Amino acid sequence: MFEHLDLNQLLATYGYLAIFIGCFLEGETILILGGMAAHQHVLKLLPVIGYASLAGMLGDQLLFWIGRYFGARLLPKLHKQKAAIDRVSQLINRYPTVSIFSVRFLYGMRLIGPMVIGASKVSPLKFTAINLLGAVVWATLFANAGYWAGEFLQRVFGDLKPYRLPIALCVIALMVGIGLIRHLRSKRRAEA
């Protein structure tokens, strides 16, 4: 079954769609892999950045509007996210523009942050403009990180074609591991 599976063809056919869906939902891992695929000339870097920017912005816009309409009822029910909600609320009160821009870069805030901002008094137009800028910067940074990781790996291993699947699995495992370590650290801080 898998001997006829052509990873290049799958990436070329569904790569941009996977980047769009992955970045709409969360994004960093798929974006790094997209950058690596661009380095290997399976995808193009500018469309990777473009699709990721659009998807990241639209995902945050959706969460903003959920927060705007349902935040007063929804946020108090998210007991496990209370520390993140409090942190974003403090950021919004002190630095509203910076918080809108930076919330996508803060671990554990990517999903809850736009909802909290939506529940605040930030204007939708201001959020949209700053969110778009943040999404473009975010997508550019992570896609280029993947691109340069591909460059580094090519210098170490030479031709990366035989290693594409193991590299993708290692990147995913690394991102999951980093997320797990951060989660455990934040859980320990919350308990302390």
C-alpha atoms as a PDB file:
ATOM      1  CA  MET A   1       0.000   0.000   0.000  1.00  0.00           C
ATOM      2  CA  PHE A   2       2.660   2.556   1.050  1.00  0.00           C
ATOM      3  CA  GLU A   3       5.251   1.547  -1.561  1.00  0.00           C
ATOM      4  CA  HIS A   4       3.345   3.588  -4.158  1.00  0.00           C
ATOM      5  CA  LEU A   5       2.951   6.601  -1.839  1.00  0.00           C
ATOM      6  CA  ASP A   6       4.853   9.552  -3.333  1.00  0.00           C
ATOM      7  CA  LEU A   7       5.492  12.097  -0.581  1.00  0.00           C
ATOM      8  CA  ASN A   8       6.510  14.779  -3.109  1.00  0.00           C
ATOM      9  CA  GLN A   9       3.246  14.378  -4.999  1.00  0.00           C
ATOM     10  CA  LEU A  10       1.225  14.505  -1.790  1.00  0.00           C
ATOM     11  CA  LEU A  11       3.033  17.654  -0.646  1.00  0.00           C
ATOM     12  CA  ALA A  12       2.726  19.328  -4.035  1.00  0.00           C
ATOM     13  CA  THR A  13      -0.971  18.450  -4.276  1.00  0.00           C
ATOM     14  CA  TYR A  14      -2.147  19.029  -0.715  1.00  0.00           C
ATOM     15  CA  GLY A  15       0.704  20.981   0.885  1.00  0.00           C
ATOM     16  CA  TYR A  16      -0.858  24.440   0.686  1.00  0.00           C
ATOM     17  CA  LEU A  17      -4.215  23.119   1.864  1.00  0.00           C
ATOM     18  CA  ALA A  18      -2.519  21.370   4.802  1.00  0.00           C
ATOM     19  CA  ILE A  19      -0.697  24.595   5.667  1.00  0.00           C
ATOM     20  CA  PHE A  20      -3.930  26.583   5.503  1.00  0.00           C
ATOM     21  CA  ILE A  21      -5.871  24.142   7.713  1.00  0.00           C
ATOM     22  CA  GLY A  22      -2.968  23.632  10.127  1.00  0.00           C
ATOM     23  CA  CYS A  23      -2.377  27.369  10.534  1.00  0.00           C
ATOM     24  CA  PHE A  24      -6.085  28.061  10.914  1.00  0.00           C
ATOM     25  CA  LEU A  25      -6.140  25.678  13.871  1.00  0.00           C
ATOM     26  CA  GLU A  26      -2.721  26.269  15.450  1.00  0.00           C
ATOM     27  CA  GLY A  27       0.126  26.225  13.008  1.00  0.00           C
ATOM     28  CA  GLU A  28       3.773  26.341  14.050  1.00  0.00           C
ATOM     29  CA  THR A  29       4.641  22.718  13.287  1.00  0.00           C
ATOM     30  CA  ILE A  30       2.951  22.620   9.887  1.00  0.00           C
ATOM     31  CA  LEU A  31       4.461  25.997   9.046  1.00  0.00           C
ATOM     32  CA  ILE A  32       7.992  24.820   9.832  1.00  0.00           C
ATOM     33  CA  LEU A  33       7.390  21.740   7.689  1.00  0.00           C
ATOM     34  CA  GLY A  34       6.035  23.999   4.933  1.00  0.00           C
ATOM     35  CA  GLY A  35       9.222  26.054   5.075  1.00  0.00           C
ATOM     36  CA  MET A  36      11.276  22.888   4.805  1.00  0.00           C
ATOM     37  CA  ALA A  37       9.177  21.779   1.807  1.00  0.00           C
ATOM     38  CA  ALA A  38       9.831  25.171   0.217  1.00  0.00           C
ATOM     39  CA  HIS A  39      13.554  24.662   0.710  1.00  0.00           C
ATOM     40  CA  GLN A  40      13.242  21.344  -1.119  1.00  0.00           C
ATOM     41  CA  HIS A  41      11.332  23.100  -3.971  1.00  0.00           C
ATOM     42  CA  VAL A  42       8.238  20.988  -3.356  1.00  0.00           C
ATOM     43  CA  LEU A  43       6.316  24.148  -2.358  1.00  0.00           C
ATOM     44  CA  LYS A  44       7.118  27.828  -2.875  1.00  0.00           C
ATOM     45  CA  LEU A  45       8.046  29.946   0.153  1.00  0.00           C
ATOM     46  CA  LEU A  46       5.903  33.025  -0.606  1.00  0.00           C
ATOM     47  CA  PRO A  47       2.654  31.043  -1.054  1.00  0.00           C
ATOM     48  CA  VAL A  48       3.486  29.109   2.148  1.00  0.00           C
ATOM     49  CA  ILE A  49       3.791  32.436   3.986  1.00  0.00           C
ATOM     50  CA  GLY A  50       0.683  33.807   2.269  1.00  0.00           C
ATOM     51  CA  TYR A  51      -1.581  30.857   3.057  1.00  0.00           C
ATOM     52  CA  ALA A  52      -0.257  30.650   6.616  1.00  0.00           C
ATOM     53  CA  SER A  53      -0.774  34.394   7.179  1.00  0.00           C
ATOM     54  CA  LEU A  54      -4.325  34.282   5.858  1.00  0.00           C
ATOM     55  CA  ALA A  55      -5.240  31.162   7.833  1.00  0.00           C
ATOM     56  CA  GLY A  56      -3.649  32.401  11.068  1.00  0.00           C
ATOM     57  CA  MET A  57      -5.412  35.734  10.737  1.00  0.00           C
ATOM     58  CA  LEU A  58      -8.808  34.160   9.952  1.00  0.00           C
ATOM     59  CA  GLY A  59      -8.499  31.697  12.851  1.00  0.00           C
ATOM     60  CA  ASP A  60      -7.782  34.538  15.269  1.00  0.00           C
ATOM     61  CA  GLN A  61     -10.610  36.627  13.796  1.00  0.00           C
ATOM     62  CA  LEU A  62     -13.029  33.766  14.432  1.00  0.00           C
ATOM     63  CA  LEU A  63     -11.814  33.444  18.030  1.00  0.00           C
ATOM     64  CA  PHE A  64     -12.059  37.233  18.474  1.00  0.00           C
ATOM     65  CA  TRP A  65     -15.733  37.205  17.420  1.00  0.00           C
ATOM     66  CA  ILE A  66     -16.457  34.197  19.620  1.00  0.00           C
ATOM     67  CA  GLY A  67     -15.001  36.199  22.503  1.00  0.00           C
ATOM     68  CA  ARG A  68     -16.952  39.285  21.475  1.00  0.00           C
ATOM     69  CA  TYR A  69     -20.329  37.527  21.473  1.00  0.00           C
ATOM     70  CA  PHE A  70     -19.871  34.676  23.955  1.00  0.00           C
ATOM     71  CA  GLY A  71     -16.875  35.718  26.065  1.00  0.00           C
ATOM     72  CA  ALA A  72     -18.835  36.939  29.071  1.00  0.00           C
ATOM     73  CA  ARG A  73     -20.480  33.507  29.405  1.00  0.00           C
ATOM     74  CA  LEU A  74     -17.710  31.302  28.020  1.00  0.00           C
ATOM     75  CA  LEU A  75     -14.512  32.599  29.646  1.00  0.00           C
ATOM     76  CA  PRO A  76     -15.615  32.125  33.293  1.00  0.00           C
ATOM     77  CA  LYS A  77     -16.296  28.442  32.502  1.00  0.00           C
ATOM     78  CA  LEU A  78     -12.709  27.833  31.323  1.00  0.00           C
ATOM     79  CA  HIS A  79     -11.275  27.114  34.772  1.00  0.00           C
ATOM     80  CA  LYS A  80      -8.130  25.393  33.464  1.00  0.00           C
ATOM     81  CA  GLN A  81      -7.330  28.463  31.371  1.00  0.00           C
ATOM     82  CA  LYS A  82      -7.798  30.969  34.203  1.00  0.00           C
ATOM     83  CA  ALA A  83      -4.086  31.812  34.466  1.00  0.00           C
ATOM     84  CA  ALA A  84      -3.856  32.424  30.698  1.00  0.00           C
ATOM     85  CA  ILE A  85      -7.060  34.477  30.717  1.00  0.00           C
ATOM     86  CA  ASP A  86      -5.765  36.620  33.597  1.00  0.00           C
ATOM     87  CA  ARG A  87      -2.412  37.091  31.894  1.00  0.00           C
ATOM     88  CA  VAL A  88      -3.966  38.175  28.572  1.00  0.00           C
ATOM     89  CA  SER A  89      -6.425  40.450  30.402  1.00  0.00           C
ATOM     90  CA  GLN A  90      -3.550  42.191  32.181  1.00  0.00           C
ATOM     91  CA  LEU A  91      -1.662  42.571  28.898  1.00  0.00           C
ATOM     92  CA  ILE A  92      -4.716  44.055  27.167  1.00  0.00           C
ATOM     93  CA  ASN A  93      -5.308  46.543  29.962  1.00  0.00           C
ATOM     94  CA  ARG A  94      -1.682  47.721  29.976  1.00  0.00           C
ATOM     95  CA  TYR A  95      -0.611  47.306  26.340  1.00  0.00           C
ATOM     96  CA  PRO A  96      -3.588  46.658  24.045  1.00  0.00           C
ATOM     97  CA  THR A  97      -1.737  47.039  20.730  1.00  0.00           C
ATOM     98  CA  VAL A  98       1.247  44.955  21.805  1.00  0.00           C
ATOM     99  CA  SER A  99      -1.008  42.240  23.232  1.00  0.00           C
ATOM    100  CA  ILE A 100      -2.940  41.892  19.967  1.00  0.00           C
ATOM    101  CA  PHE A 101       0.297  41.604  17.991  1.00  0.00           C
ATOM    102  CA  SER A 102       2.154  39.307  20.359  1.00  0.00           C
ATOM    103  CA  VAL A 103      -0.563  36.928  21.617  1.00  0.00           C
ATOM    104  CA  ARG A 104       0.118  34.457  18.781  1.00  0.00           C
ATOM    105  CA  PHE A 105       3.767  34.229  19.870  1.00  0.00           C
ATOM    106  CA  LEU A 106       3.017  33.455  23.526  1.00  0.00           C
ATOM    107  CA  TYR A 107       2.777  29.772  24.361  1.00  0.00           C
ATOM    108  CA  GLY A 108      -0.641  28.781  25.661  1.00  0.00           C
ATOM    109  CA  MET A 109      -2.219  32.053  24.524  1.00  0.00           C
ATOM    110  CA  ARG A 110      -2.763  31.399  20.826  1.00  0.00           C
ATOM    111  CA  LEU A 111      -6.307  30.077  21.221  1.00  0.00           C
ATOM    112  CA  ILE A 112      -7.476  31.776  24.382  1.00  0.00           C
ATOM    113  CA  GLY A 113      -5.845  35.157  23.676  1.00  0.00           C
ATOM    114  CA  PRO A 114      -8.045  36.309  20.781  1.00  0.00           C
ATOM    115  CA  MET A 115     -11.173  35.288  22.704  1.00  0.00           C
ATOM    116  CA  VAL A 116     -10.112  37.364  25.711  1.00  0.00           C
ATOM    117  CA  ILE A 117      -9.270  40.288  23.429  1.00  0.00           C
ATOM    118  CA  GLY A 118     -12.670  39.919  21.758  1.00  0.00           C
ATOM    119  CA  ALA A 119     -14.382  40.054  25.157  1.00  0.00           C
ATOM    120  CA  SER A 120     -12.493  43.263  25.986  1.00  0.00           C
ATOM    121  CA  LYS A 121     -13.256  46.738  24.665  1.00  0.00           C
ATOM    122  CA  VAL A 122     -10.749  46.535  21.779  1.00  0.00           C
ATOM    123  CA  SER A 123     -12.341  47.711  18.533  1.00  0.00           C
ATOM    124  CA  PRO A 124     -12.791  45.073  15.819  1.00  0.00           C
ATOM    125  CA  LEU A 125     -11.068  47.273  13.219  1.00  0.00           C
ATOM    126  CA  LYS A 126      -8.002  47.755  15.417  1.00  0.00           C
ATOM    127  CA  PHE A 127      -7.862  44.027  16.161  1.00  0.00           C
ATOM    128  CA  THR A 128      -8.139  43.137  12.454  1.00  0.00           C
ATOM    129  CA  ALA A 129      -5.359  45.492  11.364  1.00  0.00           C
ATOM    130  CA  ILE A 130      -2.915  44.456  14.091  1.00  0.00           C
ATOM    131  CA  ASN A 131      -3.905  40.801  13.797  1.00  0.00           C
ATOM    132  CA  LEU A 132      -3.096  40.862  10.070  1.00  0.00           C
ATOM    133  CA  LEU A 133       0.331  42.384  10.739  1.00  0.00           C
ATOM    134  CA  GLY A 134       1.015  39.840  13.503  1.00  0.00           C
ATOM    135  CA  ALA A 135      -0.063  36.953  11.269  1.00  0.00           C
ATOM    136  CA  VAL A 136       2.283  38.027   8.459  1.00  0.00           C
ATOM    137  CA  VAL A 137       5.244  38.426  10.831  1.00  0.00           C
ATOM    138  CA  TRP A 138       4.451  35.091  12.531  1.00  0.00           C
ATOM    139  CA  ALA A 139       4.120  33.216   9.230  1.00  0.00           C
ATOM    140  CA  THR A 140       7.284  34.789   7.835  1.00  0.00           C
ATOM    141  CA  LEU A 141       9.344  33.897  10.915  1.00  0.00           C
ATOM    142  CA  PHE A 142       8.214  30.277  11.215  1.00  0.00           C
ATOM    143  CA  ALA A 143       8.261  29.523   7.469  1.00  0.00           C
ATOM    144  CA  ASN A 144      11.774  30.947   7.208  1.00  0.00           C
ATOM    145  CA  ALA A 145      12.819  28.964  10.279  1.00  0.00           C
ATOM    146  CA  GLY A 146      11.689  25.827   8.463  1.00  0.00           C
ATOM    147  CA  TYR A 147      13.422  26.926   5.278  1.00  0.00           C
ATOM    148  CA  TRP A 148      16.733  27.484   7.058  1.00  0.00           C
ATOM    149  CA  ALA A 149      16.333  24.257   9.018  1.00  0.00           C
ATOM    150  CA  GLY A 150      16.049  22.539   5.634  1.00  0.00           C
ATOM    151  CA  GLU A 151      19.231  24.311   4.528  1.00  0.00           C
ATOM    152  CA  PHE A 152      21.061  23.151   7.652  1.00  0.00           C
ATOM    153  CA  LEU A 153      19.839  19.566   7.297  1.00  0.00           C
ATOM    154  CA  GLN A 154      20.825  19.479   3.647  1.00  0.00           C
ATOM    155  CA  ARG A 155      24.356  20.549   4.557  1.00  0.00           C
ATOM    156  CA  VAL A 156      24.510  17.789   7.188  1.00  0.00           C
ATOM    157  CA  PHE A 157      22.820  14.945   5.278  1.00  0.00           C
ATOM    158  CA  GLY A 158      23.156  15.960   1.630  1.00  0.00           C
ATOM    159  CA  ASP A 159      20.108  15.047  -0.447  1.00  0.00           C
ATOM    160  CA  LEU A 160      17.099  15.110   1.888  1.00  0.00           C
ATOM    161  CA  LYS A 161      14.640  13.214  -0.338  1.00  0.00           C
ATOM    162  CA  PRO A 162      15.143   9.854   1.418  1.00  0.00           C
ATOM    163  CA  TYR A 163      14.863  11.560   4.821  1.00  0.00           C
ATOM    164  CA  ARG A 164      11.735  13.683   4.316  1.00  0.00           C
ATOM    165  CA  LEU A 165       9.333  11.498   6.269  1.00  0.00           C
ATOM    166  CA  PRO A 166      11.717  10.914   9.210  1.00  0.00           C
ATOM    167  CA  ILE A 167      12.513  14.653   9.305  1.00  0.00           C
ATOM    168  CA  ALA A 168       8.809  15.526   9.331  1.00  0.00           C
ATOM    169  CA  LEU A 169       8.174  13.035  12.122  1.00  0.00           C
ATOM    170  CA  CYS A 170      11.136  14.394  14.122  1.00  0.00           C
ATOM    171  CA  VAL A 171       9.903  17.988  13.749  1.00  0.00           C
ATOM    172  CA  ILE A 172       6.444  16.952  14.920  1.00  0.00           C
ATOM    173  CA  ALA A 173       7.898  14.989  17.840  1.00  0.00           C
ATOM    174  CA  LEU A 174      10.140  17.922  18.778  1.00  0.00           C
ATOM    175  CA  MET A 175       7.241  20.397  18.736  1.00  0.00           C
ATOM    176  CA  VAL A 176       5.066  18.028  20.782  1.00  0.00           C
ATOM    177  CA  GLY A 177       7.938  17.534  23.242  1.00  0.00           C
ATOM    178  CA  ILE A 178       8.492  21.284  23.612  1.00  0.00           C
ATOM    179  CA  GLY A 179       4.765  21.818  24.099  1.00  0.00           C
ATOM    180  CA  LEU A 180       4.612  19.073  26.715  1.00  0.00           C
ATOM    181  CA  ILE A 181       7.591  20.486  28.631  1.00  0.00           C
ATOM    182  CA  ARG A 182       6.049  23.972  28.595  1.00  0.00           C
ATOM    183  CA  HIS A 183       2.708  22.579  29.698  1.00  0.00           C
ATOM    184  CA  LEU A 184       4.281  20.698  32.597  1.00  0.00           C
ATOM    185  CA  ARG A 185       6.279  23.769  33.644  1.00  0.00           C
ATOM    186  CA  SER A 186       3.214  26.011  33.611  1.00  0.00           C
ATOM    187  CA  LYS A 187       1.259  23.372  35.535  1.00  0.00           C
ATOM    188  CA  ARG A 188       3.977  23.255  38.203  1.00  0.00           C
ATOM    189  CA  ARG A 189       3.995  27.058  38.449  1.00  0.00           C
ATOM    190  CA  ALA A 190       0.212  27.098  38.812  1.00  0.00           C
ATOM    191  CA  GLU A 191       0.376  24.495  41.575  1.00  0.00           C
ATOM    192  CA  ALA A 192       3.143  26.411  43.366  1.00  0.00           C
END
